[in-house]
Every structure is written in structure tokens, then in C-alpha cells.
């Protein structure tokens, strides 16, 4: 049986220093495998990290207070699943009773056959192409607080693909509700940024720290990939 203070993941780690945090975050170096390229990152995974979420959430809440003095009408928003625990701590620190959540797919409880649901595509360096979905509860919450705008809580911002996907969701929610103007994104608050963004984002990004840049190498085609079995490549001409 391992000791409580032993690392729970094997291999090399990167010690991320966050100003205001009295201890470093030991992040494992991982390779994200792909057909076209492999990407090596220091993996900030907050799922199940109770202490990290509590301490980082308190720091982020202080950043929100400083950047958005009047957040009484602001709607807090996050994306499942990696930043959900973090965002709940931020919401609690700001004494908010609810927040909007973008899901990674349309789920049965949304009753998409009889209730309004919005789904868009987005891209991420860690998860590739993915979907973001809002259903009735979150659409109504966002549009009810349109005057205050939206503050997004995220774990890591890299390319900005998830942020742009959320902006697309907000625009579609405004059209669905026939609002006279789009729902404004006031700011993106995250634990860390990484890499160099080539896209212009519609709101400032406030981060607590910076991760090392991803390392990219040529990927190897893997014929046994599940996607390859389900959707085989057409024969080359």
C-alpha cells in the first residue's frame, strides 16, 4: 500500500508555480497521440483534486472580483467536465447560487425532442474536435442575465477553440430568444495559459499561471485506431 504523500502518477512531472499558492502543482508530462501529430503537454487535470480546486478557485474568485467590480448580474459559465469542480468553488466564493454549464454532448435529461437544445462544434488541443451543448435551463439562465454578460471559468486556455465555441453558443442562444443584441462575454478566467494563440478572442483572458509550450512531433498512423475501424480512410488515388 502506497504512502499518502507519494505521487499518484508515474513518470516525469513539471512543477507549476502559481502566485499566491503556497505549494507547486506537480503535473505529469503526457503525450497526446494522433495520426497527424503527437503533442506533449504538462497535464493539468483538476478532476478529483479537491485541495487544488478549493485553493485555485479562491484565487480565481479574487481575480473576478478585481476585474469585474459589479458581478451581481453576471452569469458564471463553465464547460464540463474538467473545470466543473473549479467553477463551483468560484461560484461559491462569489456567493452565486447557480451557473450555466456547457455540456460535451446532448444528454438524455435535456429532452431534446421537446425542449430547446443548442449544440456547436469546437476544437481543443487536448480533446480534438468536440461538441458543446446548452439546454433549456442554461439557455434561460444566460438570457435572463444578459445585461451583466458572461464570465467563463476554465482550467487551461490554449488555442482558444473552446472559448470561440462558447461565443457561438451565446450567439445562438440570443437568436433563439430573439434578443436585440448578443450576450457579451466579459472575460475568461483560467488557471493557466499555454502555447501561442493565433486567434483573436472577443474577451480578455485572465490566468493565474503559464504552462510550458506544447511540444509537437510527427504522429504515426495507427491502423488499429477505433476511429479507423469505424470510418476507414478512402483509398489514396
Protein backbone atom coordinates (compact mmCIF):
# COMPACT_ATOMS: atom_id res chain seq x y z
CA UNK A 1 0.00 0.00 0.00
CA UNK A 2 1.43 3.38 -1.08
CA UNK A 3 2.06 6.23 1.27
CA UNK A 4 -0.25 9.25 1.22
CA UNK A 5 2.46 11.69 0.10
CA UNK A 6 3.73 9.52 -2.76
CA UNK A 7 2.95 10.70 -6.32
CA UNK A 8 -0.11 9.01 -7.77
CA UNK A 9 1.17 9.12 -11.36
CA UNK A 10 4.41 7.71 -12.70
CA UNK A 11 6.96 9.42 -14.91
CA UNK A 12 8.39 12.93 -15.05
CA UNK A 13 6.49 15.90 -13.65
CA UNK A 14 6.52 19.63 -14.22
CA UNK A 15 6.24 21.75 -11.06
CA UNK A 16 3.81 24.58 -11.86
CA UNK A 17 4.23 27.59 -9.60
CA UNK A 18 1.08 29.65 -9.13
CA UNK A 19 1.48 33.07 -7.44
CA UNK A 20 -0.46 33.08 -4.19
CA UNK A 21 -0.44 29.28 -3.93
CA UNK A 22 1.87 28.06 -1.13
CA UNK A 23 2.80 24.83 -2.92
CA UNK A 24 3.62 23.81 -6.52
CA UNK A 25 1.30 21.74 -8.69
CA UNK A 26 3.13 18.61 -9.83
CA UNK A 27 1.83 17.92 -13.34
CA UNK A 28 2.74 14.77 -15.29
CA UNK A 29 4.22 15.13 -18.75
CA UNK A 30 1.98 13.24 -21.17
CA UNK A 31 1.93 12.53 -24.91
CA UNK A 32 -1.39 13.02 -26.69
CA UNK A 33 -1.19 10.62 -29.62
CA UNK A 34 -2.64 11.42 -33.01
CA UNK A 35 -2.45 10.30 -36.61
CA UNK A 36 -1.03 13.55 -37.98
CA UNK A 37 0.92 14.68 -34.91
CA UNK A 38 1.67 13.86 -31.29
CA UNK A 39 1.57 16.61 -28.68
CA UNK A 40 3.43 16.59 -25.37
CA UNK A 41 1.94 18.71 -22.58
CA UNK A 42 2.19 19.19 -18.84
CA UNK A 43 -1.24 17.82 -17.99
CA UNK A 44 -3.26 19.99 -15.59
CA UNK A 45 -6.09 17.62 -14.65
CA UNK A 46 -8.29 19.06 -11.89
CA UNK A 47 -10.81 16.22 -11.78
CA UNK A 48 -10.81 14.81 -8.25
CA UNK A 49 -8.25 17.35 -7.00
CA UNK A 50 -10.26 18.66 -4.05
CA UNK A 51 -7.48 20.75 -2.49
CA UNK A 52 -6.32 22.19 -5.81
CA UNK A 53 -9.84 23.15 -6.84
CA UNK A 54 -10.51 24.81 -3.49
CA UNK A 55 -7.30 26.85 -3.43
CA UNK A 56 -7.25 27.74 -7.13
CA UNK A 57 -10.96 28.57 -7.05
CA UNK A 58 -10.39 31.06 -4.25
CA UNK A 59 -7.58 32.73 -6.23
CA UNK A 60 -9.71 32.91 -9.37
CA UNK A 61 -12.68 34.35 -7.46
CA UNK A 62 -10.42 37.16 -6.24
CA UNK A 63 -9.38 37.84 -9.86
CA UNK A 64 -13.03 38.00 -10.93
CA UNK A 65 -13.82 40.48 -8.16
CA UNK A 66 -10.90 42.69 -9.20
CA UNK A 67 -11.67 42.62 -12.93
CA UNK A 68 -15.50 42.72 -12.77
CA UNK A 69 -16.44 45.00 -9.85
CA UNK A 70 -20.21 44.60 -10.38
CA UNK A 71 -20.82 40.89 -10.93
CA UNK A 72 -24.27 40.80 -9.28
CA UNK A 73 -25.94 40.36 -12.71
CA UNK A 74 -23.13 38.38 -14.31
CA UNK A 75 -23.73 34.77 -15.29
CA UNK A 76 -20.87 32.43 -14.44
CA UNK A 77 -20.30 29.72 -17.03
CA UNK A 78 -18.06 26.68 -17.46
CA UNK A 79 -17.60 23.59 -19.60
CA UNK A 80 -17.86 20.05 -18.31
CA UNK A 81 -16.03 18.21 -17.17
CA UNK A 82 -12.51 19.24 -16.25
CA UNK A 83 -13.33 22.73 -14.97
CA UNK A 84 -16.66 21.94 -13.29
CA UNK A 85 -15.33 21.46 -9.75
CA UNK A 86 -13.17 24.57 -10.09
CA UNK A 87 -16.09 26.70 -11.29
CA UNK A 88 -18.30 25.53 -8.43
CA UNK A 89 -15.70 26.76 -5.94
CA UNK A 90 -15.51 30.12 -7.75
CA UNK A 91 -19.32 30.43 -7.73
CA UNK A 92 -19.44 29.62 -4.02
CA UNK A 93 -16.72 32.19 -3.23
CA UNK A 94 -18.70 34.82 -5.18
CA UNK A 95 -21.89 33.78 -3.35
CA UNK A 96 -23.63 32.80 -6.56
CA UNK A 97 -26.50 30.32 -6.31
CA UNK A 98 -26.21 28.93 -9.85
CA UNK A 99 -24.15 28.98 -13.02
CA UNK A 100 -24.52 27.95 -16.65
CA UNK A 101 -22.85 24.78 -17.91
CA UNK A 102 -21.95 23.80 -21.47
CA UNK A 103 -22.05 20.01 -21.83
CA UNK A 104 -19.83 17.91 -24.07
CA UNK A 105 -22.82 16.29 -25.79
CA UNK A 106 -26.61 16.28 -25.79
CA UNK A 107 -27.71 14.14 -22.83
CA UNK A 108 -30.99 12.28 -22.20
CA UNK A 109 -32.12 14.59 -19.37
CA UNK A 110 -32.17 17.52 -21.82
CA UNK A 111 -35.24 16.02 -23.57
CA UNK A 112 -34.04 17.37 -26.89
CA UNK A 113 -37.17 16.08 -28.64
CA UNK A 114 -39.38 18.50 -26.70
CA UNK A 115 -37.13 21.19 -25.18
CA UNK A 116 -34.76 23.74 -26.75
CA UNK A 117 -31.18 22.50 -27.16
CA UNK A 118 -28.24 24.20 -28.89
CA UNK A 119 -25.13 22.31 -30.00
CA UNK A 120 -22.00 23.58 -31.76
CA UNK A 121 -18.59 22.17 -32.62
CA UNK A 122 -15.32 23.33 -31.05
CA UNK A 123 -11.70 22.23 -31.12
CA UNK A 124 -9.20 21.67 -28.34
CA UNK A 125 -5.54 20.67 -28.29
CA UNK A 126 -6.25 18.04 -25.61
CA UNK A 127 -9.52 16.57 -26.90
CA UNK A 128 -9.55 17.45 -30.60
CA UNK A 129 -12.91 18.12 -32.22
CA UNK A 130 -15.67 18.17 -29.63
CA UNK A 131 -19.21 19.38 -29.15
CA UNK A 132 -20.64 21.93 -26.75
CA UNK A 133 -24.32 21.85 -25.86
CA UNK A 134 -26.73 24.04 -23.92
CA UNK A 135 -30.21 23.02 -22.93
CA UNK A 136 -33.29 24.80 -21.63
CA UNK A 137 -32.12 25.56 -18.09
CA UNK A 138 -28.81 27.09 -19.13
CA UNK A 139 -30.28 28.98 -22.09
CA UNK A 140 -32.84 30.62 -19.80
CA UNK A 141 -30.22 31.41 -17.15
CA UNK A 142 -27.91 33.05 -19.68
CA UNK A 143 -30.61 35.13 -21.33
CA UNK A 144 -32.12 36.22 -18.00
CA UNK A 145 -28.77 37.82 -17.07
CA UNK A 146 -27.92 39.20 -20.49
CA UNK A 147 -27.39 42.69 -19.06
CA UNK A 148 -24.45 41.58 -16.94
CA UNK A 149 -22.81 39.35 -19.50
CA UNK A 150 -20.94 36.09 -19.02
CA UNK A 151 -17.74 35.21 -17.19
CA UNK A 152 -16.18 31.94 -18.32
CA UNK A 153 -14.25 29.76 -15.86
CA UNK A 154 -11.85 27.26 -17.45
CA UNK A 155 -8.86 25.18 -16.45
CA UNK A 156 -6.48 25.85 -19.35
CA UNK A 157 -6.71 28.13 -22.38
CA UNK A 158 -4.51 27.07 -25.30
CA UNK A 159 -5.76 27.71 -28.82
CA UNK A 160 -8.95 29.47 -27.77
CA UNK A 161 -11.11 26.98 -29.68
CA UNK A 162 -13.33 26.24 -26.68
CA UNK A 163 -13.81 29.95 -26.00
CA UNK A 164 -14.88 30.59 -29.59
CA UNK A 165 -17.25 27.63 -29.42
CA UNK A 166 -18.87 29.15 -26.33
CA UNK A 167 -19.22 32.50 -28.10
CA UNK A 168 -21.04 30.65 -30.88
CA UNK A 169 -23.35 29.12 -28.25
CA UNK A 170 -24.06 32.55 -26.76
CA UNK A 171 -24.89 33.98 -30.18
CA UNK A 172 -27.28 31.13 -30.93
CA UNK A 173 -28.95 31.46 -27.52
CA UNK A 174 -29.52 35.16 -28.19
CA UNK A 175 -31.08 34.39 -31.57
CA UNK A 176 -33.25 31.66 -30.09
CA UNK A 177 -34.63 34.11 -27.52
CA UNK A 178 -34.90 36.95 -30.08
CA UNK A 179 -32.65 39.20 -28.01
CA UNK A 180 -31.85 42.61 -29.51
CA UNK A 181 -28.09 42.10 -29.03
CA UNK A 182 -25.63 39.23 -28.44
CA UNK A 183 -24.85 38.03 -24.92
CA UNK A 184 -21.48 39.66 -24.10
CA UNK A 185 -18.52 37.64 -22.85
CA UNK A 186 -16.93 39.77 -20.11
CA UNK A 187 -13.81 37.73 -19.59
CA UNK A 188 -12.19 34.30 -19.46
CA UNK A 189 -10.65 33.29 -16.12
CA UNK A 190 -8.45 30.21 -16.09
CA UNK A 191 -5.78 28.54 -14.00
CA UNK A 192 -3.20 28.59 -16.79
CA UNK A 193 -2.50 29.53 -20.39
CA UNK A 194 -0.23 27.56 -22.68
CA UNK A 195 1.13 27.92 -26.19
CA UNK A 196 0.69 30.82 -28.57
CA UNK A 197 -2.80 31.74 -29.70
CA UNK A 198 -3.22 32.71 -33.34
CA UNK A 199 -6.91 33.56 -32.94
CA UNK A 200 -8.29 36.84 -31.71
CA UNK A 201 -10.60 36.22 -28.76
CA UNK A 202 -13.53 38.56 -28.05
CA UNK A 203 -12.70 38.98 -24.35
CA UNK A 204 -9.57 39.26 -22.17
CA UNK A 205 -8.04 36.11 -20.70
CA UNK A 206 -7.07 36.29 -17.01
CA UNK A 207 -4.81 33.43 -15.93
CA UNK A 208 -3.06 32.56 -12.69
CA UNK A 209 -0.01 30.96 -14.33
CA UNK A 210 1.53 29.82 -17.60
CA UNK A 211 2.24 26.25 -18.64
CA UNK A 212 5.22 25.29 -20.80
CA UNK A 213 4.52 25.35 -24.52
CA UNK A 214 3.30 22.07 -26.04
CA UNK A 215 5.90 20.04 -27.92
CA UNK A 216 4.75 18.70 -31.28
CA UNK A 217 6.19 15.85 -33.31
CA UNK A 218 5.00 13.94 -36.36
CA UNK A 219 2.43 11.30 -35.47
CA UNK A 220 2.38 7.71 -36.59
CA UNK A 221 -0.64 6.31 -38.40
CA UNK A 222 -2.17 3.63 -36.22
CA UNK A 223 -4.23 1.16 -38.22
CA UNK A 224 -5.83 -0.26 -35.09
CA UNK A 225 -7.38 3.05 -34.01
CA UNK A 226 -11.09 2.69 -33.25
CA UNK A 227 -11.93 5.66 -35.48
CA UNK A 228 -10.08 3.98 -38.33
CA UNK A 229 -12.16 0.84 -37.96
CA UNK A 230 -15.46 2.72 -37.84
CA UNK A 231 -14.65 5.27 -40.55
CA UNK A 232 -11.83 3.89 -42.72
CA UNK A 233 -9.86 6.29 -44.89
CA UNK A 234 -10.73 6.24 -48.61
CA UNK A 235 -8.07 4.62 -50.79
CA UNK A 236 -5.44 7.07 -51.99
CA UNK A 237 -5.50 7.95 -55.67
